[in-house]
Amino acid sequence: MPPGNNSYEEFLRNVTPQALGLAACSANLNRSAYSRLQGKRKKDENDEVRKLSADYKLTKVGDVFFDVTGTFKLTIRDKTSNTSVLTIECTFQSHFHGTAPISEEWAR
């Protein structure tokens, strides 16, 4: 358990974002598949499958700060042909301050 008598909710109230930066971003659009999917949408056919995922990693913890990397990915597929239509993936780095001592367990 993290040090002190503070609750997790109190820890969160004292955390403040200090910086956010884009570390990497990529996108892939299959234009012909996208066009086909848009045509189906006009006919009220729901052949689109969307998947949104997020992954967070604690990269550094100090006495009054912690750093996190977050990767977010959006994928759109045509469910009838299982063709990838659009993929967007971006990774952000962030820096937070809080009350000392920062609990690595709670920062995760």
C-alpha atoms as a PDB file:
ATOM      1  CA  MET A   1       0.000   0.000   0.000  1.00  0.00           C
ATOM      2  CA  PRO A   2       1.283   3.504  -0.771  1.00  0.00           C
ATOM      3  CA  PRO A   3       2.763   5.492   2.133  1.00  0.00           C
ATOM      4  CA  GLY A   4       0.636   7.738   4.343  1.00  0.00           C
ATOM      5  CA  ASN A   5      -3.046   7.731   5.175  1.00  0.00           C
ATOM      6  CA  ASN A   6      -4.129   9.446   1.971  1.00  0.00           C
ATOM      7  CA  SER A   7      -6.777   7.899  -0.203  1.00  0.00           C
ATOM      8  CA  TYR A   8      -6.448   7.218  -3.910  1.00  0.00           C
ATOM      9  CA  GLU A   9      -9.107   9.864  -4.555  1.00  0.00           C
ATOM     10  CA  GLU A  10      -6.988  12.436  -2.699  1.00  0.00           C
ATOM     11  CA  PHE A  11      -3.951  11.392  -4.743  1.00  0.00           C
ATOM     12  CA  LEU A  12      -5.935  12.001  -7.953  1.00  0.00           C
ATOM     13  CA  ARG A  13      -7.169  15.412  -6.741  1.00  0.00           C
ATOM     14  CA  ASN A  14      -3.554  16.495  -6.216  1.00  0.00           C
ATOM     15  CA  VAL A  15      -2.240  15.308  -9.593  1.00  0.00           C
ATOM     16  CA  THR A  16      -1.867  18.073 -12.177  1.00  0.00           C
ATOM     17  CA  PRO A  17      -0.819  17.654 -15.806  1.00  0.00           C
ATOM     18  CA  GLN A  18       2.276  19.704 -16.640  1.00  0.00           C
ATOM     19  CA  ALA A  19       3.121  18.689 -20.202  1.00  0.00           C
ATOM     20  CA  LEU A  20       1.720  16.659 -23.081  1.00  0.00           C
ATOM     21  CA  GLY A  21       3.646  15.943 -26.251  1.00  0.00           C
ATOM     22  CA  LEU A  22       3.043  13.961 -29.384  1.00  0.00           C
ATOM     23  CA  ALA A  23       5.824  11.372 -29.662  1.00  0.00           C
ATOM     24  CA  ALA A  24       4.654   9.537 -32.798  1.00  0.00           C
ATOM     25  CA  CYS A  25       1.640   9.308 -35.070  1.00  0.00           C
ATOM     26  CA  SER A  26       0.792   7.269 -38.138  1.00  0.00           C
ATOM     27  CA  ALA A  27      -2.229   6.740 -40.349  1.00  0.00           C
ATOM     28  CA  ASN A  28      -3.110   4.382 -43.157  1.00  0.00           C
ATOM     29  CA  LEU A  29      -6.173   4.890 -45.362  1.00  0.00           C
ATOM     30  CA  ASN A  30      -7.277   2.334 -47.944  1.00  0.00           C
ATOM     31  CA  ARG A  31      -9.094   4.785 -50.244  1.00  0.00           C
ATOM     32  CA  SER A  32     -10.877   2.235 -52.423  1.00  0.00           C
ATOM     33  CA  ALA A  33     -12.144   0.271 -49.386  1.00  0.00           C
ATOM     34  CA  TYR A  34     -13.177   3.553 -47.731  1.00  0.00           C
ATOM     35  CA  SER A  35     -15.143   4.561 -50.832  1.00  0.00           C
ATOM     36  CA  ARG A  36     -16.935   1.187 -50.909  1.00  0.00           C
ATOM     37  CA  LEU A  37     -17.754   1.473 -47.224  1.00  0.00           C
ATOM     38  CA  GLN A  38     -19.121   5.005 -47.686  1.00  0.00           C
ATOM     39  CA  GLY A  39     -21.371   3.730 -50.500  1.00  0.00           C
ATOM     40  CA  LYS A  40     -22.748   1.031 -48.193  1.00  0.00           C
ATOM     41  CA  ARG A  41     -23.351   3.607 -45.472  1.00  0.00           C
ATOM     42  CA  LYS A  42     -25.567   5.625 -47.841  1.00  0.00           C
ATOM     43  CA  LYS A  43     -27.710   2.500 -48.256  1.00  0.00           C
ATOM     44  CA  ASP A  44     -28.037   2.195 -44.453  1.00  0.00           C
ATOM     45  CA  GLU A  45     -25.929  -0.954 -44.385  1.00  0.00           C
ATOM     46  CA  ASN A  46     -23.790  -1.250 -41.280  1.00  0.00           C
ATOM     47  CA  ASP A  47     -20.673  -3.022 -42.549  1.00  0.00           C
ATOM     48  CA  GLU A  48     -18.218  -1.021 -40.466  1.00  0.00           C
ATOM     49  CA  VAL A  49     -16.370  -2.380 -37.457  1.00  0.00           C
ATOM     50  CA  ARG A  50     -14.574   0.155 -35.269  1.00  0.00           C
ATOM     51  CA  LYS A  51     -12.033  -0.696 -32.628  1.00  0.00           C
ATOM     52  CA  LEU A  52     -10.482   1.841 -30.281  1.00  0.00           C
ATOM     53  CA  SER A  53      -7.697   0.786 -27.948  1.00  0.00           C
ATOM     54  CA  ALA A  54      -5.486   2.533 -25.413  1.00  0.00           C
ATOM     55  CA  ASP A  55      -2.311   1.415 -23.684  1.00  0.00           C
ATOM     56  CA  TYR A  56      -0.583   3.343 -20.897  1.00  0.00           C
ATOM     57  CA  LYS A  57       2.919   2.837 -19.524  1.00  0.00           C
ATOM     58  CA  LEU A  58       4.440   4.481 -16.481  1.00  0.00           C
ATOM     59  CA  THR A  59       7.940   5.483 -17.625  1.00  0.00           C
ATOM     60  CA  LYS A  60       9.394   7.388 -14.656  1.00  0.00           C
ATOM     61  CA  VAL A  61       8.510   8.226 -11.055  1.00  0.00           C
ATOM     62  CA  GLY A  62      10.143  10.911  -8.910  1.00  0.00           C
ATOM     63  CA  ASP A  63       9.356  12.292  -5.467  1.00  0.00           C
ATOM     64  CA  VAL A  64       6.827  14.860  -6.797  1.00  0.00           C
ATOM     65  CA  PHE A  65       6.279  13.794 -10.429  1.00  0.00           C
ATOM     66  CA  PHE A  66       5.651  10.910 -12.780  1.00  0.00           C
ATOM     67  CA  ASP A  67       5.798  10.413 -16.560  1.00  0.00           C
ATOM     68  CA  VAL A  68       3.400   8.334 -18.636  1.00  0.00           C
ATOM     69  CA  THR A  69       3.325   7.248 -22.276  1.00  0.00           C
ATOM     70  CA  GLY A  70      -0.090   6.604 -23.812  1.00  0.00           C
ATOM     71  CA  THR A  71      -0.703   4.927 -27.170  1.00  0.00           C
ATOM     72  CA  PHE A  72      -4.122   5.175 -28.798  1.00  0.00           C
ATOM     73  CA  LYS A  73      -5.207   3.230 -31.874  1.00  0.00           C
ATOM     74  CA  LEU A  74      -8.340   3.497 -33.990  1.00  0.00           C
ATOM     75  CA  THR A  75      -9.024   0.802 -36.574  1.00  0.00           C
ATOM     76  CA  ILE A  76     -11.959   0.686 -38.990  1.00  0.00           C
ATOM     77  CA  ARG A  77     -12.586  -2.507 -40.956  1.00  0.00           C
ATOM     78  CA  ASP A  78     -15.155  -3.591 -43.513  1.00  0.00           C
ATOM     79  CA  LYS A  79     -16.764  -6.536 -41.727  1.00  0.00           C
ATOM     80  CA  THR A  80     -17.961  -8.276 -44.894  1.00  0.00           C
ATOM     81  CA  SER A  81     -14.562  -8.343 -46.606  1.00  0.00           C
ATOM     82  CA  ASN A  82     -12.460  -8.042 -43.401  1.00  0.00           C
ATOM     83  CA  THR A  83     -10.503  -5.300 -45.193  1.00  0.00           C
ATOM     84  CA  SER A  84      -8.688  -2.680 -43.151  1.00  0.00           C
ATOM     85  CA  VAL A  85     -10.114   0.693 -44.165  1.00  0.00           C
ATOM     86  CA  LEU A  86      -8.422   3.101 -41.755  1.00  0.00           C
ATOM     87  CA  THR A  87      -5.816   2.806 -39.012  1.00  0.00           C
ATOM     88  CA  ILE A  88      -4.645   5.731 -36.894  1.00  0.00           C
ATOM     89  CA  GLU A  89      -2.121   5.234 -34.097  1.00  0.00           C
ATOM     90  CA  CYS A  90      -0.650   8.002 -31.943  1.00  0.00           C
ATOM     91  CA  THR A  91       1.654   7.953 -28.927  1.00  0.00           C
ATOM     92  CA  PHE A  92       1.747  10.789 -26.407  1.00  0.00           C
ATOM     93  CA  GLN A  93       4.195  11.467 -23.579  1.00  0.00           C
ATOM     94  CA  SER A  94       2.899  13.246 -20.487  1.00  0.00           C
ATOM     95  CA  HIS A  95       4.372  14.669 -17.293  1.00  0.00           C
ATOM     96  CA  PHE A  96       2.380  15.064 -14.053  1.00  0.00           C
ATOM     97  CA  HIS A  97       3.089  16.671 -10.693  1.00  0.00           C
ATOM     98  CA  GLY A  98       1.617  15.601  -7.379  1.00  0.00           C
ATOM     99  CA  THR A  99       2.119  15.689  -3.638  1.00  0.00           C
ATOM    100  CA  ALA A 100       5.264  13.994  -2.314  1.00  0.00           C
ATOM    101  CA  PRO A 101       5.893  11.192  -2.098  1.00  0.00           C
ATOM    102  CA  ILE A 102       4.368   9.961  -5.375  1.00  0.00           C
ATOM    103  CA  SER A 103       3.180   6.380  -5.068  1.00  0.00           C
ATOM    104  CA  GLU A 104       4.327   4.293  -8.039  1.00  0.00           C
ATOM    105  CA  GLU A 105       1.413   1.947  -7.396  1.00  0.00           C
ATOM    106  CA  TRP A 106      -1.140   4.761  -7.651  1.00  0.00           C
ATOM    107  CA  ALA A 107       0.601   6.438 -10.601  1.00  0.00           C
ATOM    108  CA  ARG A 108       0.131   3.226 -12.571  1.00  0.00           C
END
